[in-house]
Amino acid sequence: MSTDTTTQVTNPEMPQHTPRRIDEFLLDVIKRGGSDLHFVAGDPPRIRHNGELQSLRDAPLDKQVVQDTIMDFITRRAQQQLEEKDGADFAYSIPGVSRFRVNVFRHIGGLGAVLRAIPSKALTLEQLNMPQAVRSLCRVNNGLILVTGKTGSGKSTTLAAMIDDINAREKGHILTIEDPIEFVHPRKNCLVSQREVGLHSPGFADALHSALREDPDIVLVGEVRDHETMSIAVTAAEMGILVMGTLHTNGAAPTVDRIVNAFPADKQSHVRTMLSTSLRGVISQQLIMRADKRGRVAALEVLINTPAVSNLIRQGKLDQLENAMQSGAAHGMRVMDSAIKELFDKGVISGRSAYEKAMNKPQFEQFKDMG
């Protein structure tokens, strides 16, 4: 992305944009290569850069200044939501620069906002250096694919690249359900419909239920956050739709366990049976600082639903899924620690970073003081 933001904003070919007070801070974030702006009353404005928070200015933000700045760019619907629930989510855009996912909230010092930069164009699988297993998952035509990890682990970026790959190759209907819409996907070979929760539908479950009647080939669910959404997603996958979504779980095996345990005990056997046939794969990821400090790299754990994995899920032997991943390298599977070790062996990350991000830290103890 170019850092010549002034030229981009004033480009006459770009959509008309009325400059807002928040823009100067956001342009600074983009110029510095940051991912998030923390704009909170009583604290200096901060930027998250390569996973670490850094102050943009020394002086704390005045309570009234923060309120006026937020009210200058908040949407009418989000303002109403803020008044009713003391928090709101919406999207903001500086054309030609970036879109931003915004969360506004009340706290002890007044108002605050966190704005995450979303690239104006989805990166490709090649640019993200995704393994062959992920590329292969983009070529399945039905079932359930989940991308998991904590907030800020790059889930949305990975899913956007996968959707972009499908959009460039296939001819079908891609429907996305997000809160808010992050990456805007242009129509390439596919018809693309994008719906925003709260603006185009009251909730994920409602939008997903409606999607079943909208003749989609691929449905992207921004977040599978409740039992009802999970239930409809699994059902849609069983019906022959390719459903892709995210969960805030740490690891592929815990993701399967989380889905199963979201259902009542008397339903779990049936859910395991459905998952054993409809699940296509789980990608669990985290971002790790590069050894040269020039950004972060994704470490990916991958679970592919092979006959052996399917059998374990159906029988409820979820504690054995990690063993199946360790022995499933021929199918593109790998556990997180193997992915981290590979990055360390290639010199991409330092021994200290490998140790800090590893699941089984004793195995990485010997590397923690290595560059």
Protein backbone atom coordinates (compact mmCIF):
# COMPACT_ATOMS: atom_id res chain seq x y z
CA MET A 1 0.00 0.00 0.00
CA SER A 2 1.33 3.44 -0.93
CA THR A 3 2.13 5.84 1.89
CA ASP A 4 1.50 8.85 -0.35
CA THR A 5 -1.89 9.27 1.31
CA THR A 6 -2.40 12.93 0.38
CA THR A 7 -2.35 12.12 -3.33
CA GLN A 8 -4.72 9.20 -2.80
CA VAL A 9 -7.28 11.20 -0.83
CA THR A 10 -7.41 14.06 -3.36
CA ASN A 11 -7.47 11.86 -6.46
CA PRO A 12 -10.50 13.10 -8.44
CA GLU A 13 -11.25 9.57 -9.60
CA MET A 14 -11.86 8.46 -6.00
CA PRO A 15 -15.31 8.75 -4.35
CA GLN A 16 -15.93 12.12 -2.73
CA HIS A 17 -14.76 12.14 0.88
CA THR A 18 -15.40 14.84 3.47
CA PRO A 19 -12.30 14.96 5.69
CA ARG A 20 -12.98 14.20 9.35
CA ARG A 21 -11.00 15.03 12.47
CA ILE A 22 -10.05 11.37 12.93
CA ASP A 23 -8.42 11.25 9.48
CA GLU A 24 -5.11 12.80 10.55
CA PHE A 25 -4.62 10.05 13.13
CA LEU A 26 -5.65 7.30 10.72
CA LEU A 27 -3.35 8.59 7.99
CA ASP A 28 -0.54 8.51 10.55
CA VAL A 29 -1.37 4.88 11.36
CA ILE A 30 -1.26 3.91 7.68
CA LYS A 31 1.95 5.87 7.07
CA ARG A 32 3.66 4.04 9.94
CA GLY A 33 2.37 0.64 8.83
CA GLY A 34 0.18 0.14 11.90
CA SER A 35 -2.85 -2.10 12.25
CA ASP A 36 -4.95 -0.32 14.91
CA LEU A 37 -5.57 3.13 16.34
CA HIS A 38 -6.50 3.35 20.03
CA PHE A 39 -8.26 6.69 20.51
CA VAL A 40 -9.30 6.79 24.18
CA ALA A 41 -10.11 9.75 26.41
CA GLY A 42 -7.52 10.31 29.12
CA ASP A 43 -4.74 8.44 27.28
CA PRO A 44 -2.37 9.42 24.46
CA PRO A 45 -3.46 8.16 21.04
CA ARG A 46 -1.75 4.83 20.45
CA ILE A 47 -0.97 2.69 17.42
CA ARG A 48 -0.54 -1.06 17.31
CA HIS A 49 2.53 -1.76 15.20
CA ASN A 50 3.72 -5.34 14.68
CA GLY A 51 1.63 -6.44 17.65
CA GLU A 52 2.92 -3.81 20.09
CA LEU A 53 1.18 -0.62 21.28
CA GLN A 54 3.12 2.61 20.76
CA SER A 55 2.12 6.20 21.56
CA LEU A 56 1.50 8.53 18.60
CA ARG A 57 1.61 11.64 20.78
CA ASP A 58 2.80 12.32 24.34
CA ALA A 59 -0.18 14.31 25.59
CA PRO A 60 -3.32 12.47 26.74
CA LEU A 61 -6.49 13.05 24.74
CA ASP A 62 -9.00 15.46 26.25
CA LYS A 63 -12.39 13.92 27.04
CA GLN A 64 -14.32 16.54 25.06
CA VAL A 65 -11.94 16.34 22.10
CA VAL A 66 -12.41 12.57 21.91
CA GLN A 67 -16.20 12.91 22.10
CA ASP A 68 -16.32 15.60 19.43
CA THR A 69 -13.97 13.63 17.16
CA ILE A 70 -15.99 10.42 17.47
CA MET A 71 -19.32 12.20 16.96
CA ASP A 72 -17.83 13.79 13.83
CA PHE A 73 -17.57 10.45 11.99
CA ILE A 74 -19.86 7.96 13.74
CA THR A 75 -22.82 6.72 11.69
CA ARG A 76 -26.36 7.52 12.76
CA ARG A 77 -27.15 3.86 13.43
CA ALA A 78 -23.97 3.38 15.46
CA GLN A 79 -24.71 6.53 17.48
CA GLN A 80 -28.11 5.15 18.37
CA GLN A 81 -26.54 1.82 19.29
CA LEU A 82 -23.97 3.63 21.46
CA GLU A 83 -26.74 5.49 23.31
CA GLU A 84 -28.69 2.27 23.90
CA LYS A 85 -25.88 -0.19 24.64
CA ASP A 86 -22.84 2.00 25.46
CA GLY A 87 -20.93 0.44 22.57
CA ALA A 88 -21.17 0.19 18.80
CA ASP A 89 -19.46 -1.35 15.77
CA PHE A 90 -19.35 0.16 12.31
CA ALA A 91 -17.06 0.71 9.32
CA TYR A 92 -15.35 3.92 8.23
CA SER A 93 -13.52 4.54 4.99
CA ILE A 94 -10.99 6.97 3.58
CA PRO A 95 -11.28 6.28 -0.17
CA GLY A 96 -8.03 5.28 -1.78
CA VAL A 97 -6.39 4.79 1.61
CA SER A 98 -8.14 2.14 3.68
CA ARG A 99 -11.34 0.95 5.31
CA PHE A 100 -11.46 0.72 9.08
CA ARG A 101 -13.42 -1.51 11.41
CA VAL A 102 -14.51 0.70 14.30
CA ASN A 103 -15.56 -0.11 17.85
CA VAL A 104 -16.75 2.82 19.99
CA PHE A 105 -17.29 2.37 23.72
CA ARG A 106 -17.84 4.21 26.98
CA HIS A 107 -15.32 3.84 29.79
CA ILE A 108 -14.52 5.48 33.11
CA GLY A 109 -12.79 8.43 31.41
CA GLY A 110 -15.42 9.11 28.74
CA LEU A 111 -15.55 7.74 25.18
CA GLY A 112 -13.01 5.63 23.38
CA ALA A 113 -12.62 4.07 19.97
CA VAL A 114 -10.42 1.40 18.43
CA LEU A 115 -10.10 1.48 14.65
CA ARG A 116 -8.54 -1.42 12.77
CA ALA A 117 -7.17 -0.80 9.28
CA ILE A 118 -8.49 -3.10 6.58
CA PRO A 119 -6.52 -3.07 3.31
CA SER A 120 -8.54 -1.70 0.42
CA LYS A 121 -7.74 -4.85 -1.54
CA ALA A 122 -7.55 -8.43 -0.30
CA LEU A 123 -4.11 -10.00 -0.42
CA THR A 124 -3.73 -13.16 -2.49
CA LEU A 125 -2.91 -16.62 -1.17
CA GLU A 126 0.47 -16.25 -2.87
CA GLN A 127 1.20 -12.94 -1.17
CA LEU A 128 0.32 -14.49 2.18
CA ASN A 129 2.50 -17.53 1.36
CA MET A 130 -0.31 -19.90 2.29
CA PRO A 131 0.50 -23.64 2.33
CA GLN A 132 -0.88 -25.97 -0.32
CA ALA A 133 -3.43 -27.38 2.12
CA VAL A 134 -5.13 -23.98 2.38
CA ARG A 135 -5.12 -23.56 -1.40
CA SER A 136 -6.68 -27.02 -1.73
CA LEU A 137 -9.44 -26.10 0.73
CA CYS A 138 -10.39 -23.23 -1.60
CA ARG A 139 -11.20 -25.80 -4.27
CA VAL A 140 -13.79 -27.80 -2.36
CA ASN A 141 -17.36 -27.05 -3.43
CA ASN A 142 -19.28 -27.78 -0.23
CA GLY A 143 -18.86 -28.32 3.50
CA LEU A 144 -17.56 -26.25 6.41
CA ILE A 145 -14.18 -24.48 6.63
CA LEU A 146 -13.23 -22.60 9.79
CA VAL A 147 -10.40 -20.13 10.38
CA THR A 148 -9.67 -19.62 14.06
CA GLY A 149 -7.41 -17.66 16.37
CA LYS A 150 -7.49 -14.82 18.84
CA THR A 151 -8.41 -11.26 17.91
CA GLY A 152 -5.78 -9.74 15.63
CA SER A 153 -4.39 -13.06 14.42
CA GLY A 154 -5.18 -12.37 10.76
CA LYS A 155 -8.29 -14.53 10.39
CA SER A 156 -10.15 -11.99 8.26
CA THR A 157 -7.11 -11.52 5.99
CA THR A 158 -6.82 -15.28 5.40
CA LEU A 159 -10.53 -15.66 4.68
CA ALA A 160 -10.50 -12.66 2.34
CA ALA A 161 -7.64 -14.23 0.36
CA MET A 162 -9.55 -17.51 0.14
CA ILE A 163 -12.72 -15.75 -1.04
CA ASP A 164 -10.68 -13.75 -3.56
CA ASP A 165 -9.17 -16.98 -4.92
CA ILE A 166 -12.62 -18.51 -5.39
CA ASN A 167 -13.95 -15.27 -6.89
CA ALA A 168 -11.18 -15.30 -9.50
CA ARG A 169 -11.63 -18.97 -10.51
CA GLU A 170 -15.23 -20.01 -10.06
CA LYS A 171 -18.58 -18.86 -11.41
CA GLY A 172 -21.13 -18.77 -8.63
CA HIS A 173 -22.75 -16.70 -5.91
CA ILE A 174 -20.61 -15.62 -2.93
CA LEU A 175 -22.58 -14.23 0.00
CA THR A 176 -20.81 -12.67 3.00
CA ILE A 177 -22.33 -11.90 6.40
CA GLU A 178 -20.17 -9.63 8.54
CA ASP A 179 -20.26 -7.23 11.49
CA PRO A 180 -19.22 -4.85 10.01
CA ILE A 181 -18.25 -5.53 6.38
CA GLU A 182 -14.45 -5.53 6.23
CA PHE A 183 -12.97 -6.40 2.84
CA VAL A 184 -15.14 -5.24 -0.07
CA HIS A 185 -14.88 -7.89 -2.79
CA PRO A 186 -15.29 -6.71 -6.39
CA ARG A 187 -17.22 -8.95 -8.75
CA LYS A 188 -14.77 -10.99 -10.80
CA ASN A 189 -16.11 -14.32 -12.02
CA CYS A 190 -18.66 -14.55 -9.18
CA LEU A 191 -21.72 -12.61 -8.15
CA VAL A 192 -20.82 -11.18 -4.72
CA SER A 193 -23.47 -10.12 -2.18
CA GLN A 194 -22.26 -8.61 1.08
CA ARG A 195 -24.56 -8.10 4.08
CA GLU A 196 -23.78 -6.23 7.28
CA VAL A 197 -25.29 -7.32 10.58
CA GLY A 198 -27.37 -4.52 12.09
CA LEU A 199 -27.65 -2.73 8.76
CA HIS A 200 -28.92 -5.43 6.39
CA SER A 201 -29.95 -8.06 8.94
CA PRO A 202 -30.65 -8.12 12.69
CA GLY A 203 -28.11 -10.87 13.37
CA PHE A 204 -25.77 -13.54 12.00
CA ALA A 205 -28.30 -16.33 12.50
CA ASP A 206 -31.08 -14.37 10.74
CA ALA A 207 -28.84 -13.54 7.80
CA LEU A 208 -27.55 -17.09 7.53
CA HIS A 209 -31.07 -18.52 7.67
CA SER A 210 -32.10 -16.10 4.93
CA ALA A 211 -29.01 -17.04 2.91
CA LEU A 212 -30.28 -20.58 2.50
CA ARG A 213 -33.03 -19.16 0.26
CA GLU A 214 -30.72 -16.90 -1.73
CA ASP A 215 -29.12 -19.60 -3.88
CA PRO A 216 -25.52 -19.14 -2.63
CA ASP A 217 -22.61 -21.36 -3.59
CA ILE A 218 -20.31 -19.93 -0.90
CA VAL A 219 -21.35 -18.27 2.36
CA LEU A 220 -18.83 -16.41 4.50
CA VAL A 221 -19.93 -15.94 8.12
CA GLY A 222 -17.78 -13.26 9.74
CA GLU A 223 -18.11 -14.82 13.17
CA VAL A 224 -19.79 -18.03 14.31
CA ARG A 225 -20.55 -16.69 17.76
CA ASP A 226 -23.62 -18.56 19.06
CA HIS A 227 -25.37 -21.94 19.08
CA GLU A 228 -28.04 -20.94 16.54
CA THR A 229 -25.48 -19.65 14.01
CA MET A 230 -23.39 -22.81 14.45
CA SER A 231 -26.46 -24.99 13.92
CA ILE A 232 -27.50 -23.24 10.70
CA ALA A 233 -23.91 -23.18 9.42
CA VAL A 234 -23.52 -26.94 9.88
CA THR A 235 -26.92 -27.54 8.28
CA ALA A 236 -26.02 -25.32 5.30
CA ALA A 237 -22.76 -27.24 4.86
CA GLU A 238 -24.75 -30.50 4.89
CA MET A 239 -27.02 -29.07 2.17
CA GLY A 240 -24.10 -28.70 -0.24
CA ILE A 241 -23.12 -25.06 0.36
CA LEU A 242 -19.51 -24.14 1.08
CA VAL A 243 -19.65 -22.32 4.42
CA MET A 244 -16.59 -20.43 5.66
CA GLY A 245 -16.39 -18.76 9.05
CA THR A 246 -14.27 -17.73 12.02
CA LEU A 247 -14.17 -18.70 15.68
CA HIS A 248 -12.14 -17.22 18.53
CA THR A 249 -10.64 -20.56 19.53
CA ASN A 250 -6.99 -21.43 20.04
CA GLY A 251 -6.21 -24.56 18.05
CA ALA A 252 -7.92 -26.82 15.52
CA ALA A 253 -8.91 -29.60 17.93
CA PRO A 254 -10.40 -27.17 20.51
CA THR A 255 -12.43 -25.65 17.65
CA VAL A 256 -14.18 -28.95 16.95
CA ASP A 257 -14.70 -29.43 20.69
CA ARG A 258 -16.15 -25.91 21.00
CA ILE A 259 -18.71 -26.54 18.24
CA VAL A 260 -19.83 -29.87 19.67
CA ASN A 261 -20.12 -28.53 23.22
CA ALA A 262 -22.17 -25.53 22.07
CA PHE A 263 -25.07 -27.96 21.65
CA PRO A 264 -27.13 -29.65 24.40
CA ALA A 265 -25.76 -33.02 25.56
CA ASP A 266 -28.58 -34.97 23.88
CA LYS A 267 -27.75 -33.34 20.51
CA GLN A 268 -23.97 -33.73 20.57
CA SER A 269 -23.85 -37.22 19.06
CA HIS A 270 -25.89 -36.02 16.08
CA VAL A 271 -23.73 -32.90 15.70
CA ARG A 272 -20.54 -35.01 15.72
CA THR A 273 -22.00 -37.18 12.98
CA MET A 274 -22.88 -34.11 10.90
CA LEU A 275 -19.43 -32.58 11.45
CA SER A 276 -17.70 -35.84 10.54
CA THR A 277 -19.17 -35.60 7.04
CA SER A 278 -19.49 -31.82 6.49
CA LEU A 279 -16.28 -30.42 8.02
CA ARG A 280 -13.60 -29.88 5.38
CA GLY A 281 -10.88 -28.28 7.45
CA VAL A 282 -9.85 -26.00 10.29
CA ILE A 283 -7.07 -23.41 10.00
CA SER A 284 -5.84 -22.05 13.33
CA GLN A 285 -3.35 -19.24 13.20
CA GLN A 286 -1.33 -16.70 15.16
CA LEU A 287 0.97 -13.88 14.06
CA ILE A 288 4.62 -13.86 15.16
CA MET A 289 7.17 -11.05 14.91
CA ARG A 290 9.77 -11.64 12.20
CA ALA A 291 13.39 -12.00 13.29
CA ASP A 292 14.30 -8.87 11.30
CA LYS A 293 11.46 -6.92 13.03
CA ARG A 294 9.97 -6.09 9.63
CA GLY A 295 6.42 -7.12 10.32
CA ARG A 296 4.83 -10.38 11.41
CA VAL A 297 4.35 -13.78 9.83
CA ALA A 298 1.47 -16.23 10.27
CA ALA A 299 2.03 -19.63 11.85
CA LEU A 300 -0.73 -21.99 10.77
CA GLU A 301 -2.08 -25.16 12.34
CA VAL A 302 -4.11 -27.16 9.81
CA LEU A 303 -6.67 -29.92 10.33
CA ILE A 304 -8.01 -31.69 7.23
CA ASN A 305 -11.03 -33.96 7.53
CA THR A 306 -9.54 -37.22 6.30
CA PRO A 307 -11.35 -40.56 6.86
CA ALA A 308 -9.27 -41.05 10.03
CA VAL A 309 -10.18 -37.59 11.36
CA SER A 310 -13.83 -38.09 10.41
CA ASN A 311 -13.90 -41.34 12.37
CA LEU A 312 -12.43 -39.66 15.47
CA ILE A 313 -15.00 -36.85 15.32
CA ARG A 314 -17.90 -39.27 14.86
CA GLN A 315 -16.77 -41.38 17.82
CA GLY A 316 -16.18 -38.34 20.01
CA LYS A 317 -12.45 -39.02 20.39
CA LEU A 318 -11.58 -35.34 20.01
CA ASP A 319 -8.59 -35.65 22.32
CA GLN A 320 -6.92 -37.75 19.61
CA LEU A 321 -7.23 -35.15 16.86
CA GLU A 322 -3.82 -33.64 17.63
CA ASN A 323 -2.18 -37.04 17.15
CA ALA A 324 -4.00 -37.36 13.83
CA MET A 325 -2.64 -33.98 12.75
CA GLN A 326 0.90 -34.92 13.75
CA SER A 327 0.73 -38.03 11.58
CA GLY A 328 -1.18 -36.40 8.73
CA ALA A 329 1.60 -34.40 7.06
CA ALA A 330 0.95 -36.18 3.77
CA HIS A 331 -2.51 -34.55 3.73
CA GLY A 332 -1.14 -31.09 4.56
CA MET A 333 -1.90 -31.27 8.27
CA ARG A 334 0.36 -29.86 10.94
CA VAL A 335 0.17 -28.77 14.57
CA MET A 336 1.03 -25.25 15.69
CA ASP A 337 4.38 -26.15 17.25
CA SER A 338 5.53 -27.79 14.01
CA ALA A 339 4.62 -24.64 12.08
CA ILE A 340 6.52 -22.50 14.60
CA LYS A 341 9.56 -24.80 14.49
CA GLU A 342 9.61 -24.62 10.68
CA LEU A 343 9.59 -20.81 10.78
CA PHE A 344 12.42 -20.84 13.33
CA ASP A 345 14.49 -23.34 11.32
CA LYS A 346 14.17 -21.10 8.26
CA GLY A 347 15.36 -18.09 10.27
CA VAL A 348 12.06 -16.27 9.78
CA ILE A 349 11.42 -15.88 13.52
CA SER A 350 13.75 -15.75 16.52
CA GLY A 351 14.15 -18.45 19.14
CA ARG A 352 12.64 -16.12 21.74
CA SER A 353 9.52 -15.57 19.63
CA ALA A 354 9.26 -19.30 18.92
CA TYR A 355 9.42 -20.06 22.65
CA GLU A 356 6.85 -17.40 23.54
CA LYS A 357 4.31 -18.57 20.95
CA ALA A 358 4.82 -22.34 21.33
CA MET A 359 2.12 -24.52 22.85
CA ASN A 360 4.58 -26.99 24.38
CA LYS A 361 7.17 -24.59 25.78
CA PRO A 362 9.58 -27.20 27.22
CA GLN A 363 10.30 -28.38 23.65
CA PHE A 364 11.41 -24.83 22.76
CA GLU A 365 13.31 -24.05 25.96
CA GLN A 366 16.66 -24.61 24.23
CA PHE A 367 15.89 -21.96 21.58
CA LYS A 368 14.61 -19.08 23.73
CA ASP A 369 17.95 -17.28 23.94
CA MET A 370 18.71 -17.65 20.23
CA GLY A 371 18.22 -14.83 17.74
